[in-house]
């Protein structure tokens, strides 16, 4: 059966390329079938410039303007699989970017709050998400390092930019029992993807993989 997104002009060719991408993600160790199916049915090409649409289902990051990128599909899948483990309700995303990661989270969560510091990117992502039926997303223009205190605590927090250390304000906004996934490290160097779980008495860390993200910027 065709999804509604197959009416965008790329059609079944796009669906076949998506299927091949999902097969590669499964080979690379993505095992959550809900995540895989969500990525299979979510059209990545609508979140990038038309000139790059032919690369939409390659497993690579692509530029989206303002020196920002849409993340590599494997990284999106890995971070989603990590952050959405277990029961959750509200998700905070730091760095909307193109809106692609937001869309994936939206399909797997009840409510997603997404903060973007670039107004043009925020507006474009918001329009794309609204136009394509992602109604449970609240897009916010602001400083992601501050989170959203009035909506805290969050069950899950995901950062799509690298912090030099764990942002304590965001950690405070994570619910006890919650999970945060983020890259940690200096700009222009290898960083480490971290999964942390907040308990009533301590923070449990897992180092997942080496990654490369743009830096988390205040303001």
C-alpha atoms as a PDB file:
ATOM      1  CA  UNK A   1       0.000   0.000   0.000  1.00  0.00           C
ATOM      2  CA  UNK A   2       1.256   3.480  -0.848  1.00  0.00           C
ATOM      3  CA  UNK A   3       1.655   5.954   1.970  1.00  0.00           C
ATOM      4  CA  UNK A   4       0.283   9.461   1.528  1.00  0.00           C
ATOM      5  CA  UNK A   5       3.861  10.637   1.109  1.00  0.00           C
ATOM      6  CA  UNK A   6       4.183   8.679  -2.166  1.00  0.00           C
ATOM      7  CA  UNK A   7       2.073  11.379  -3.820  1.00  0.00           C
ATOM      8  CA  UNK A   8       4.965  13.851  -3.641  1.00  0.00           C
ATOM      9  CA  UNK A   9       6.368  13.080  -7.091  1.00  0.00           C
ATOM     10  CA  UNK A  10       9.129  10.682  -6.096  1.00  0.00           C
ATOM     11  CA  UNK A  11       6.649   7.925  -5.405  1.00  0.00           C
ATOM     12  CA  UNK A  12       7.533   4.247  -5.373  1.00  0.00           C
ATOM     13  CA  UNK A  13      11.153   4.885  -6.367  1.00  0.00           C
ATOM     14  CA  UNK A  14      11.466   6.724  -3.099  1.00  0.00           C
ATOM     15  CA  UNK A  15       9.853   3.834  -1.234  1.00  0.00           C
ATOM     16  CA  UNK A  16      12.276   1.310  -2.722  1.00  0.00           C
ATOM     17  CA  UNK A  17      15.261   3.442  -1.734  1.00  0.00           C
ATOM     18  CA  UNK A  18      13.816   3.761   1.773  1.00  0.00           C
ATOM     19  CA  UNK A  19      13.484  -0.019   1.982  1.00  0.00           C
ATOM     20  CA  UNK A  20      17.138  -0.423   1.028  1.00  0.00           C
ATOM     21  CA  UNK A  21      18.137   2.106   3.681  1.00  0.00           C
ATOM     22  CA  UNK A  22      16.181   0.202   6.329  1.00  0.00           C
ATOM     23  CA  UNK A  23      17.917  -3.023   5.319  1.00  0.00           C
ATOM     24  CA  UNK A  24      21.286  -1.298   5.829  1.00  0.00           C
ATOM     25  CA  UNK A  25      20.222   0.055   9.228  1.00  0.00           C
ATOM     26  CA  UNK A  26      19.174  -3.432  10.318  1.00  0.00           C
ATOM     27  CA  UNK A  27      22.543  -4.812   9.194  1.00  0.00           C
ATOM     28  CA  UNK A  28      24.263  -2.113  11.291  1.00  0.00           C
ATOM     29  CA  UNK A  29      22.497  -3.249  14.444  1.00  0.00           C
ATOM     30  CA  UNK A  30      19.276  -1.223  14.629  1.00  0.00           C
ATOM     31  CA  UNK A  31      16.894  -3.816  16.046  1.00  0.00           C
ATOM     32  CA  UNK A  32      13.822  -1.901  17.231  1.00  0.00           C
ATOM     33  CA  UNK A  33      11.181  -2.733  14.638  1.00  0.00           C
ATOM     34  CA  UNK A  34       9.050   0.294  15.563  1.00  0.00           C
ATOM     35  CA  UNK A  35      11.996   2.604  14.898  1.00  0.00           C
ATOM     36  CA  UNK A  36      12.800   0.850  11.612  1.00  0.00           C
ATOM     37  CA  UNK A  37       9.189   0.975  10.402  1.00  0.00           C
ATOM     38  CA  UNK A  38       8.880   4.630  11.404  1.00  0.00           C
ATOM     39  CA  UNK A  39      11.991   5.510   9.417  1.00  0.00           C
ATOM     40  CA  UNK A  40      10.802   3.420   6.476  1.00  0.00           C
ATOM     41  CA  UNK A  41       7.512   5.317   6.291  1.00  0.00           C
ATOM     42  CA  UNK A  42       8.887   8.795   6.988  1.00  0.00           C
ATOM     43  CA  UNK A  43      10.003  10.660   3.825  1.00  0.00           C
ATOM     44  CA  UNK A  44      13.459  12.071   4.539  1.00  0.00           C
ATOM     45  CA  UNK A  45      13.590  13.815   1.159  1.00  0.00           C
ATOM     46  CA  UNK A  46      10.963  16.402   2.151  1.00  0.00           C
ATOM     47  CA  UNK A  47      13.279  17.689   4.883  1.00  0.00           C
ATOM     48  CA  UNK A  48      16.174  18.573   2.562  1.00  0.00           C
ATOM     49  CA  UNK A  49      16.682  20.842  -0.427  1.00  0.00           C
ATOM     50  CA  UNK A  50      15.301  19.568  -3.725  1.00  0.00           C
ATOM     51  CA  UNK A  51      18.773  19.593  -5.274  1.00  0.00           C
ATOM     52  CA  UNK A  52      19.883  16.978  -2.734  1.00  0.00           C
ATOM     53  CA  UNK A  53      16.750  14.820  -2.909  1.00  0.00           C
ATOM     54  CA  UNK A  54      18.605  12.112  -4.842  1.00  0.00           C
ATOM     55  CA  UNK A  55      20.839  11.624  -1.780  1.00  0.00           C
ATOM     56  CA  UNK A  56      18.010  11.565   0.746  1.00  0.00           C
ATOM     57  CA  UNK A  57      18.186   7.810   1.401  1.00  0.00           C
ATOM     58  CA  UNK A  58      21.935   7.492   1.478  1.00  0.00           C
ATOM     59  CA  UNK A  59      23.284   6.914   4.962  1.00  0.00           C
ATOM     60  CA  UNK A  60      24.972  10.279   5.202  1.00  0.00           C
ATOM     61  CA  UNK A  61      24.490  13.717   6.768  1.00  0.00           C
ATOM     62  CA  UNK A  62      23.463  16.523   4.391  1.00  0.00           C
ATOM     63  CA  UNK A  63      23.573  20.330   4.658  1.00  0.00           C
ATOM     64  CA  UNK A  64      20.371  22.245   5.442  1.00  0.00           C
ATOM     65  CA  UNK A  65      21.762  25.791   5.695  1.00  0.00           C
ATOM     66  CA  UNK A  66      23.090  27.956   8.544  1.00  0.00           C
ATOM     67  CA  UNK A  67      26.077  25.573   8.776  1.00  0.00           C
ATOM     68  CA  UNK A  68      23.667  22.897  10.044  1.00  0.00           C
ATOM     69  CA  UNK A  69      23.039  19.375   8.783  1.00  0.00           C
ATOM     70  CA  UNK A  70      20.344  16.733   8.723  1.00  0.00           C
ATOM     71  CA  UNK A  71      21.874  13.828  10.632  1.00  0.00           C
ATOM     72  CA  UNK A  72      22.958  10.537   9.120  1.00  0.00           C
ATOM     73  CA  UNK A  73      20.007   8.083   9.170  1.00  0.00           C
ATOM     74  CA  UNK A  74      21.965   5.522  11.202  1.00  0.00           C
ATOM     75  CA  UNK A  75      22.631   8.139  13.896  1.00  0.00           C
ATOM     76  CA  UNK A  76      18.958   9.166  13.914  1.00  0.00           C
ATOM     77  CA  UNK A  77      17.907   5.536  14.268  1.00  0.00           C
ATOM     78  CA  UNK A  78      20.480   4.799  16.965  1.00  0.00           C
ATOM     79  CA  UNK A  79      19.609   7.851  19.055  1.00  0.00           C
ATOM     80  CA  UNK A  80      15.882   7.206  18.689  1.00  0.00           C
ATOM     81  CA  UNK A  81      16.269   3.570  19.692  1.00  0.00           C
ATOM     82  CA  UNK A  82      18.251   4.598  22.777  1.00  0.00           C
ATOM     83  CA  UNK A  83      16.155   7.523  23.970  1.00  0.00           C
ATOM     84  CA  UNK A  84      12.735   5.936  23.496  1.00  0.00           C
ATOM     85  CA  UNK A  85      13.439   2.709  25.371  1.00  0.00           C
ATOM     86  CA  UNK A  86      10.724   1.920  27.895  1.00  0.00           C
ATOM     87  CA  UNK A  87       7.593   3.846  28.787  1.00  0.00           C
ATOM     88  CA  UNK A  88       7.618   7.563  28.021  1.00  0.00           C
ATOM     89  CA  UNK A  89       5.186  10.384  27.429  1.00  0.00           C
ATOM     90  CA  UNK A  90       6.873  13.742  26.866  1.00  0.00           C
ATOM     91  CA  UNK A  91      10.070  14.206  24.853  1.00  0.00           C
ATOM     92  CA  UNK A  92      12.272  17.299  24.668  1.00  0.00           C
ATOM     93  CA  UNK A  93      14.452  17.675  21.576  1.00  0.00           C
ATOM     94  CA  UNK A  94      17.271  20.222  21.558  1.00  0.00           C
ATOM     95  CA  UNK A  95      17.976  21.292  17.977  1.00  0.00           C
ATOM     96  CA  UNK A  96      15.058  20.922  15.567  1.00  0.00           C
ATOM     97  CA  UNK A  97      17.201  21.487  12.489  1.00  0.00           C
ATOM     98  CA  UNK A  98      15.403  20.157   9.431  1.00  0.00           C
ATOM     99  CA  UNK A  99      12.650  18.569  11.508  1.00  0.00           C
ATOM    100  CA  UNK A 100      13.440  15.008  10.410  1.00  0.00           C
ATOM    101  CA  UNK A 101      14.478  13.689  13.813  1.00  0.00           C
ATOM    102  CA  UNK A 102      11.480  15.534  15.243  1.00  0.00           C
ATOM    103  CA  UNK A 103       9.177  13.700  12.838  1.00  0.00           C
ATOM    104  CA  UNK A 104      10.580  10.321  13.869  1.00  0.00           C
ATOM    105  CA  UNK A 105      10.126  11.155  17.560  1.00  0.00           C
ATOM    106  CA  UNK A 106       6.617  12.446  16.862  1.00  0.00           C
ATOM    107  CA  UNK A 107       5.443   9.112  15.487  1.00  0.00           C
ATOM    108  CA  UNK A 108       6.732   7.261  18.539  1.00  0.00           C
ATOM    109  CA  UNK A 109       5.728   9.651  21.345  1.00  0.00           C
ATOM    110  CA  UNK A 110       2.625  11.354  22.699  1.00  0.00           C
ATOM    111  CA  UNK A 111       4.119  14.852  22.762  1.00  0.00           C
ATOM    112  CA  UNK A 112       7.390  16.312  21.446  1.00  0.00           C
ATOM    113  CA  UNK A 113       8.757  19.722  22.387  1.00  0.00           C
ATOM    114  CA  UNK A 114      11.497  20.827  19.995  1.00  0.00           C
ATOM    115  CA  UNK A 115      13.728  23.894  20.421  1.00  0.00           C
ATOM    116  CA  UNK A 116      15.610  25.581  17.560  1.00  0.00           C
ATOM    117  CA  UNK A 117      17.755  28.716  17.829  1.00  0.00           C
ATOM    118  CA  UNK A 118      17.658  29.622  14.089  1.00  0.00           C
ATOM    119  CA  UNK A 119      14.311  31.271  13.311  1.00  0.00           C
ATOM    120  CA  UNK A 120      14.364  30.366   9.605  1.00  0.00           C
ATOM    121  CA  UNK A 121      15.019  26.683  10.339  1.00  0.00           C
ATOM    122  CA  UNK A 122      12.380  26.678  13.070  1.00  0.00           C
ATOM    123  CA  UNK A 123       9.713  28.136  10.784  1.00  0.00           C
ATOM    124  CA  UNK A 124      10.561  25.843   7.873  1.00  0.00           C
ATOM    125  CA  UNK A 125      10.533  22.709  10.045  1.00  0.00           C
ATOM    126  CA  UNK A 126       7.308  23.770  11.738  1.00  0.00           C
ATOM    127  CA  UNK A 127       5.592  24.278   8.380  1.00  0.00           C
ATOM    128  CA  UNK A 128       6.800  20.906   7.080  1.00  0.00           C
ATOM    129  CA  UNK A 129       5.705  19.065  10.190  1.00  0.00           C
ATOM    130  CA  UNK A 130       2.288  20.730  10.281  1.00  0.00           C
ATOM    131  CA  UNK A 131       1.678  20.229   6.565  1.00  0.00           C
ATOM    132  CA  UNK A 132       2.507  16.528   6.808  1.00  0.00           C
ATOM    133  CA  UNK A 133       0.304  15.739   9.780  1.00  0.00           C
ATOM    134  CA  UNK A 134       2.723  15.762  12.715  1.00  0.00           C
ATOM    135  CA  UNK A 135       0.273  17.379  15.110  1.00  0.00           C
ATOM    136  CA  UNK A 136       1.829  16.411  18.438  1.00  0.00           C
ATOM    137  CA  UNK A 137       4.924  18.611  18.043  1.00  0.00           C
ATOM    138  CA  UNK A 138       5.388  21.989  19.734  1.00  0.00           C
ATOM    139  CA  UNK A 139       8.135  23.993  17.997  1.00  0.00           C
ATOM    140  CA  UNK A 140       9.881  26.646  20.049  1.00  0.00           C
ATOM    141  CA  UNK A 141      12.375  29.336  19.045  1.00  0.00           C
ATOM    142  CA  UNK A 142      14.920  29.695  21.799  1.00  0.00           C
ATOM    143  CA  UNK A 143      18.082  28.669  23.586  1.00  0.00           C
ATOM    144  CA  UNK A 144      18.119  24.905  23.823  1.00  0.00           C
ATOM    145  CA  UNK A 145      20.630  24.900  26.664  1.00  0.00           C
ATOM    146  CA  UNK A 146      17.876  26.340  28.888  1.00  0.00           C
ATOM    147  CA  UNK A 147      15.305  23.687  28.046  1.00  0.00           C
ATOM    148  CA  UNK A 148      11.667  24.489  28.889  1.00  0.00           C
ATOM    149  CA  UNK A 149      11.307  24.823  32.629  1.00  0.00           C
ATOM    150  CA  UNK A 150       7.539  25.365  32.582  1.00  0.00           C
ATOM    151  CA  UNK A 151       6.985  22.014  30.795  1.00  0.00           C
ATOM    152  CA  UNK A 152       9.469  20.031  32.889  1.00  0.00           C
ATOM    153  CA  UNK A 153      10.033  17.347  33.941  1.00  0.00           C
ATOM    154  CA  UNK A 154      10.439  15.422  30.688  1.00  0.00           C
ATOM    155  CA  UNK A 155      10.492  11.645  30.341  1.00  0.00           C
ATOM    156  CA  UNK A 156      13.094  11.815  27.600  1.00  0.00           C
ATOM    157  CA  UNK A 157      15.579  14.436  26.367  1.00  0.00           C
ATOM    158  CA  UNK A 158      17.600  14.193  23.162  1.00  0.00           C
ATOM    159  CA  UNK A 159      20.296  16.597  21.981  1.00  0.00           C
ATOM    160  CA  UNK A 160      21.221  16.800  18.302  1.00  0.00           C
ATOM    161  CA  UNK A 161      24.290  18.972  18.972  1.00  0.00           C
ATOM    162  CA  UNK A 162      27.399  18.201  20.990  1.00  0.00           C
ATOM    163  CA  UNK A 163      27.803  19.618  24.476  1.00  0.00           C
ATOM    164  CA  UNK A 164      31.216  19.891  26.094  1.00  0.00           C
ATOM    165  CA  UNK A 165      29.689  18.487  29.267  1.00  0.00           C
ATOM    166  CA  UNK A 166      26.240  17.381  30.387  1.00  0.00           C
ATOM    167  CA  UNK A 167      24.032  20.511  30.587  1.00  0.00           C
ATOM    168  CA  UNK A 168      22.962  20.642  34.220  1.00  0.00           C
ATOM    169  CA  UNK A 169      19.839  22.685  33.485  1.00  0.00           C
ATOM    170  CA  UNK A 170      18.604  19.955  31.154  1.00  0.00           C
ATOM    171  CA  UNK A 171      19.523  17.252  33.624  1.00  0.00           C
ATOM    172  CA  UNK A 172      17.381  19.036  36.220  1.00  0.00           C
ATOM    173  CA  UNK A 173      14.469  19.005  33.758  1.00  0.00           C
ATOM    174  CA  UNK A 174      14.725  15.227  33.253  1.00  0.00           C
ATOM    175  CA  UNK A 175      12.263  13.187  35.267  1.00  0.00           C
ATOM    176  CA  UNK A 176      13.565  10.634  37.771  1.00  0.00           C
ATOM    177  CA  UNK A 177      13.544   7.425  35.768  1.00  0.00           C
ATOM    178  CA  UNK A 178      14.080   9.416  32.570  1.00  0.00           C
ATOM    179  CA  UNK A 179      16.637   8.959  29.798  1.00  0.00           C
ATOM    180  CA  UNK A 180      18.804  11.554  28.072  1.00  0.00           C
ATOM    181  CA  UNK A 181      20.807  10.853  24.903  1.00  0.00           C
ATOM    182  CA  UNK A 182      23.429  13.332  23.739  1.00  0.00           C
ATOM    183  CA  UNK A 183      26.841  13.659  22.121  1.00  0.00           C
ATOM    184  CA  UNK A 184      29.601  14.895  24.428  1.00  0.00           C
ATOM    185  CA  UNK A 185      32.885  16.400  23.249  1.00  0.00           C
ATOM    186  CA  UNK A 186      34.724  19.358  21.796  1.00  0.00           C
ATOM    187  CA  UNK A 187      33.947  20.853  18.362  1.00  0.00           C
ATOM    188  CA  UNK A 188      35.995  19.601  15.414  1.00  0.00           C
ATOM    189  CA  UNK A 189      36.910  16.398  17.235  1.00  0.00           C
ATOM    190  CA  UNK A 190      35.481  12.966  17.799  1.00  0.00           C
ATOM    191  CA  UNK A 191      32.711  12.987  20.361  1.00  0.00           C
ATOM    192  CA  UNK A 192      31.029  10.260  22.356  1.00  0.00           C
ATOM    193  CA  UNK A 193      27.353   9.454  22.169  1.00  0.00           C
ATOM    194  CA  UNK A 194      26.132   9.096  25.758  1.00  0.00           C
ATOM    195  CA  UNK A 195      22.997   7.554  27.176  1.00  0.00           C
ATOM    196  CA  UNK A 196      22.232   8.519  30.763  1.00  0.00           C
ATOM    197  CA  UNK A 197      19.473   7.360  33.071  1.00  0.00           C
ATOM    198  CA  UNK A 198      18.438   9.456  36.043  1.00  0.00           C
ATOM    199  CA  UNK A 199      17.560   7.573  39.205  1.00  0.00           C
ATOM    200  CA  UNK A 200      16.545   8.980  42.572  1.00  0.00           C
ATOM    201  CA  UNK A 201      20.094   8.613  43.859  1.00  0.00           C
ATOM    202  CA  UNK A 202      22.488   8.732  40.902  1.00  0.00           C
ATOM    203  CA  UNK A 203      23.058   9.126  37.171  1.00  0.00           C
ATOM    204  CA  UNK A 204      23.895   5.981  35.204  1.00  0.00           C
ATOM    205  CA  UNK A 205      26.066   6.551  32.116  1.00  0.00           C
ATOM    206  CA  UNK A 206      26.627   4.397  29.052  1.00  0.00           C
ATOM    207  CA  UNK A 207      29.092   5.332  26.324  1.00  0.00           C
ATOM    208  CA  UNK A 208      27.548   4.182  23.058  1.00  0.00           C
ATOM    209  CA  UNK A 209      29.703   5.171  20.089  1.00  0.00           C
ATOM    210  CA  UNK A 210      32.045   7.721  18.610  1.00  0.00           C
ATOM    211  CA  UNK A 211      30.154  10.397  16.658  1.00  0.00           C
ATOM    212  CA  UNK A 212      30.666  13.836  15.118  1.00  0.00           C
ATOM    213  CA  UNK A 213      28.091  16.592  15.705  1.00  0.00           C
ATOM    214  CA  UNK A 214      28.063  20.343  15.421  1.00  0.00           C
ATOM    215  CA  UNK A 215      28.475  22.089  18.789  1.00  0.00           C
ATOM    216  CA  UNK A 216      25.628  23.017  21.123  1.00  0.00           C
ATOM    217  CA  UNK A 217      25.473  26.819  21.132  1.00  0.00           C
ATOM    218  CA  UNK A 218      23.973  29.027  23.799  1.00  0.00           C
ATOM    219  CA  UNK A 219      21.741  31.959  22.975  1.00  0.00           C
END
